[in-house]
Amino acid sequence: MSLRETLAGIIENIEGGCAISIMASDGIPIDEVVLNQAGFDLQLLTVEYATLLKDIRRVVEVLKVGELEEISVTTGQLYVVIRILSDELFVVLIMTRDGNFGKGRYLLRINSDGLANVLR
């Protein structure tokens, strides 16, 4: 299965799914599937979270609590789940607040190894 097919398979099976994007740690998008813009700028959102991810990784390293796997952010309008694929890549899933947050996290977790392997 191609990268785009895998991403589409994830986002299309989540109620309230808006977008899913594979990003490099420097903020450059690798691929994305957008179902619903829901009033946000996907490019700006993912670049800002890439910057935030660097800071969180540094904190995790200082605390020596293991490898960072996932970050969740809940806002008034969106759920954002970031799953680490490798030192250089991560996937961002964006859902509306009425979306199925648990299923989104689950689908990212079970597909993360497959996504990482496709990108190698």
C-alpha atoms as a PDB file:
ATOM      1  CA  MET A   1       0.000   0.000   0.000  1.00  0.00           C
ATOM      2  CA  SER A   2       1.340   3.453  -0.876  1.00  0.00           C
ATOM      3  CA  LEU A   3       1.920   6.201   1.662  1.00  0.00           C
ATOM      4  CA  ARG A   4      -1.050   8.230   0.418  1.00  0.00           C
ATOM      5  CA  GLU A   5      -3.343   5.169   0.513  1.00  0.00           C
ATOM      6  CA  THR A   6      -2.282   4.441   4.091  1.00  0.00           C
ATOM      7  CA  LEU A   7      -2.886   8.041   5.165  1.00  0.00           C
ATOM      8  CA  ALA A   8      -6.271   8.101   3.414  1.00  0.00           C
ATOM      9  CA  GLY A   9      -7.207   4.798   5.048  1.00  0.00           C
ATOM     10  CA  ILE A  10      -6.529   6.284   8.475  1.00  0.00           C
ATOM     11  CA  ILE A  11      -8.287   9.637   8.062  1.00  0.00           C
ATOM     12  CA  GLU A  12     -11.309   8.240   6.231  1.00  0.00           C
ATOM     13  CA  ASN A  13     -12.009   5.816   9.090  1.00  0.00           C
ATOM     14  CA  ILE A  14     -12.123   8.405  11.862  1.00  0.00           C
ATOM     15  CA  GLU A  15     -15.317  10.264  12.609  1.00  0.00           C
ATOM     16  CA  GLY A  16     -14.506  13.983  12.552  1.00  0.00           C
ATOM     17  CA  GLY A  17     -11.197  13.462  10.760  1.00  0.00           C
ATOM     18  CA  CYS A  18      -9.980  16.641   9.069  1.00  0.00           C
ATOM     19  CA  ALA A  19      -6.419  16.022   7.912  1.00  0.00           C
ATOM     20  CA  ILE A  20      -3.391  13.824   8.335  1.00  0.00           C
ATOM     21  CA  SER A  21       0.141  14.831   7.384  1.00  0.00           C
ATOM     22  CA  ILE A  22       3.592  13.244   7.467  1.00  0.00           C
ATOM     23  CA  MET A  23       6.158  15.880   8.393  1.00  0.00           C
ATOM     24  CA  ALA A  24       9.921  16.077   8.577  1.00  0.00           C
ATOM     25  CA  SER A  25      11.295  17.422  11.853  1.00  0.00           C
ATOM     26  CA  ASP A  26      12.268  20.658  10.078  1.00  0.00           C
ATOM     27  CA  GLY A  27       8.605  21.318   9.258  1.00  0.00           C
ATOM     28  CA  ILE A  28       8.652  20.230   5.615  1.00  0.00           C
ATOM     29  CA  PRO A  29       5.546  18.215   4.681  1.00  0.00           C
ATOM     30  CA  ILE A  30       6.192  14.826   3.062  1.00  0.00           C
ATOM     31  CA  ASP A  31       2.583  13.942   2.216  1.00  0.00           C
ATOM     32  CA  GLU A  32      -0.895  14.793   3.436  1.00  0.00           C
ATOM     33  CA  VAL A  33      -4.551  13.952   2.973  1.00  0.00           C
ATOM     34  CA  VAL A  34      -7.138  16.634   3.739  1.00  0.00           C
ATOM     35  CA  LEU A  35     -10.848  15.854   4.092  1.00  0.00           C
ATOM     36  CA  ASN A  36     -12.051  19.017   5.805  1.00  0.00           C
ATOM     37  CA  GLN A  37     -10.070  22.236   6.372  1.00  0.00           C
ATOM     38  CA  ALA A  38     -12.442  23.131   9.270  1.00  0.00           C
ATOM     39  CA  GLY A  39     -11.232  26.740   9.323  1.00  0.00           C
ATOM     40  CA  PHE A  40      -7.524  26.156  10.032  1.00  0.00           C
ATOM     41  CA  ASP A  41      -4.329  26.599   8.016  1.00  0.00           C
ATOM     42  CA  LEU A  42      -2.858  23.082   7.821  1.00  0.00           C
ATOM     43  CA  GLN A  43       0.591  24.244   6.718  1.00  0.00           C
ATOM     44  CA  LEU A  44       0.896  26.789   9.531  1.00  0.00           C
ATOM     45  CA  LEU A  45      -0.474  24.375  12.127  1.00  0.00           C
ATOM     46  CA  THR A  46       1.953  21.581  11.225  1.00  0.00           C
ATOM     47  CA  VAL A  47       4.996  23.875  11.038  1.00  0.00           C
ATOM     48  CA  GLU A  48       4.196  25.353  14.465  1.00  0.00           C
ATOM     49  CA  TYR A  49       3.764  21.891  15.973  1.00  0.00           C
ATOM     50  CA  ALA A  50       7.100  20.812  14.448  1.00  0.00           C
ATOM     51  CA  THR A  51       8.733  23.636  16.405  1.00  0.00           C
ATOM     52  CA  LEU A  52       6.886  22.653  19.576  1.00  0.00           C
ATOM     53  CA  LEU A  53       7.908  19.017  19.077  1.00  0.00           C
ATOM     54  CA  LYS A  54      11.609  19.956  19.172  1.00  0.00           C
ATOM     55  CA  ASP A  55      11.136  21.661  22.533  1.00  0.00           C
ATOM     56  CA  ILE A  56       9.186  18.750  23.993  1.00  0.00           C
ATOM     57  CA  ARG A  57      11.832  16.276  22.808  1.00  0.00           C
ATOM     58  CA  ARG A  58      14.514  18.278  24.639  1.00  0.00           C
ATOM     59  CA  VAL A  59      12.463  18.215  27.848  1.00  0.00           C
ATOM     60  CA  VAL A  60      11.926  14.447  27.567  1.00  0.00           C
ATOM     61  CA  GLU A  61      15.674  13.936  27.065  1.00  0.00           C
ATOM     62  CA  VAL A  62      16.537  16.083  30.100  1.00  0.00           C
ATOM     63  CA  LEU A  63      14.043  14.212  32.272  1.00  0.00           C
ATOM     64  CA  LYS A  64      15.306  10.835  31.028  1.00  0.00           C
ATOM     65  CA  VAL A  65      11.826   9.278  31.012  1.00  0.00           C
ATOM     66  CA  GLY A  66      12.171   7.295  27.789  1.00  0.00           C
ATOM     67  CA  GLU A  67      11.578   8.032  24.128  1.00  0.00           C
ATOM     68  CA  LEU A  68       8.817  10.429  23.126  1.00  0.00           C
ATOM     69  CA  GLU A  69       6.041   8.526  21.327  1.00  0.00           C
ATOM     70  CA  GLU A  70       2.999  10.778  21.105  1.00  0.00           C
ATOM     71  CA  ILE A  71       1.662  14.235  21.900  1.00  0.00           C
ATOM     72  CA  SER A  72      -2.009  15.222  22.096  1.00  0.00           C
ATOM     73  CA  VAL A  73      -3.328  18.768  22.021  1.00  0.00           C
ATOM     74  CA  THR A  74      -6.956  19.662  22.616  1.00  0.00           C
ATOM     75  CA  THR A  75      -8.231  23.097  21.665  1.00  0.00           C
ATOM     76  CA  GLY A  76     -11.699  24.582  21.594  1.00  0.00           C
ATOM     77  CA  GLN A  77     -12.151  23.402  17.998  1.00  0.00           C
ATOM     78  CA  LEU A  78      -9.696  20.596  17.312  1.00  0.00           C
ATOM     79  CA  TYR A  79      -7.940  17.510  18.557  1.00  0.00           C
ATOM     80  CA  VAL A  80      -4.361  17.226  17.305  1.00  0.00           C
ATOM     81  CA  VAL A  81      -2.418  14.003  17.764  1.00  0.00           C
ATOM     82  CA  ILE A  82       1.258  13.825  16.852  1.00  0.00           C
ATOM     83  CA  ARG A  83       2.879  10.393  16.628  1.00  0.00           C
ATOM     84  CA  ILE A  84       6.662  10.078  16.295  1.00  0.00           C
ATOM     85  CA  LEU A  85       7.764   7.803  13.432  1.00  0.00           C
ATOM     86  CA  SER A  86      11.544   8.311  13.665  1.00  0.00           C
ATOM     87  CA  ASP A  87      14.097  10.934  14.718  1.00  0.00           C
ATOM     88  CA  GLU A  88      13.291  12.848  11.544  1.00  0.00           C
ATOM     89  CA  LEU A  89       9.614  12.111  10.840  1.00  0.00           C
ATOM     90  CA  PHE A  90       6.268  12.404  12.559  1.00  0.00           C
ATOM     91  CA  VAL A  91       2.600  12.180  11.629  1.00  0.00           C
ATOM     92  CA  VAL A  92      -0.001  14.784  12.588  1.00  0.00           C
ATOM     93  CA  LEU A  93      -3.677  13.836  12.800  1.00  0.00           C
ATOM     94  CA  ILE A  94      -6.237  16.632  13.060  1.00  0.00           C
ATOM     95  CA  MET A  95      -9.849  15.982  14.094  1.00  0.00           C
ATOM     96  CA  THR A  96     -12.813  18.120  15.027  1.00  0.00           C
ATOM     97  CA  ARG A  97     -13.785  18.155  18.710  1.00  0.00           C
ATOM     98  CA  ASP A  98     -16.727  15.866  17.973  1.00  0.00           C
ATOM     99  CA  GLY A  99     -14.343  13.386  16.331  1.00  0.00           C
ATOM    100  CA  ASN A 100     -13.402  10.001  17.746  1.00  0.00           C
ATOM    101  CA  PHE A 101     -10.180  10.875  19.577  1.00  0.00           C
ATOM    102  CA  GLY A 102      -9.582   7.355  20.901  1.00  0.00           C
ATOM    103  CA  LYS A 103      -9.953   5.744  17.494  1.00  0.00           C
ATOM    104  CA  GLY A 104      -7.643   8.350  15.959  1.00  0.00           C
ATOM    105  CA  ARG A 105      -4.915   7.611  18.501  1.00  0.00           C
ATOM    106  CA  TYR A 106      -5.416   3.883  18.032  1.00  0.00           C
ATOM    107  CA  LEU A 107      -5.182   4.020  14.223  1.00  0.00           C
ATOM    108  CA  LEU A 108      -2.030   6.137  14.397  1.00  0.00           C
ATOM    109  CA  ARG A 109      -0.417   3.738  16.864  1.00  0.00           C
ATOM    110  CA  ILE A 110      -1.150   0.571  14.898  1.00  0.00           C
ATOM    111  CA  ASN A 111      -0.107   2.157  11.587  1.00  0.00           C
ATOM    112  CA  SER A 112       3.006   4.004  12.759  1.00  0.00           C
ATOM    113  CA  ASP A 113       5.454   1.158  12.037  1.00  0.00           C
ATOM    114  CA  GLY A 114       3.977   0.674   8.572  1.00  0.00           C
ATOM    115  CA  LEU A 115       4.221   4.387   7.827  1.00  0.00           C
ATOM    116  CA  ALA A 116       7.820   4.508   9.038  1.00  0.00           C
ATOM    117  CA  ASN A 117       8.717   1.483   6.869  1.00  0.00           C
ATOM    118  CA  VAL A 118       7.160   3.019   3.735  1.00  0.00           C
ATOM    119  CA  LEU A 119       9.273   6.130   4.277  1.00  0.00           C
ATOM    120  CA  ARG A 120      12.604   4.298   4.654  1.00  0.00           C
END
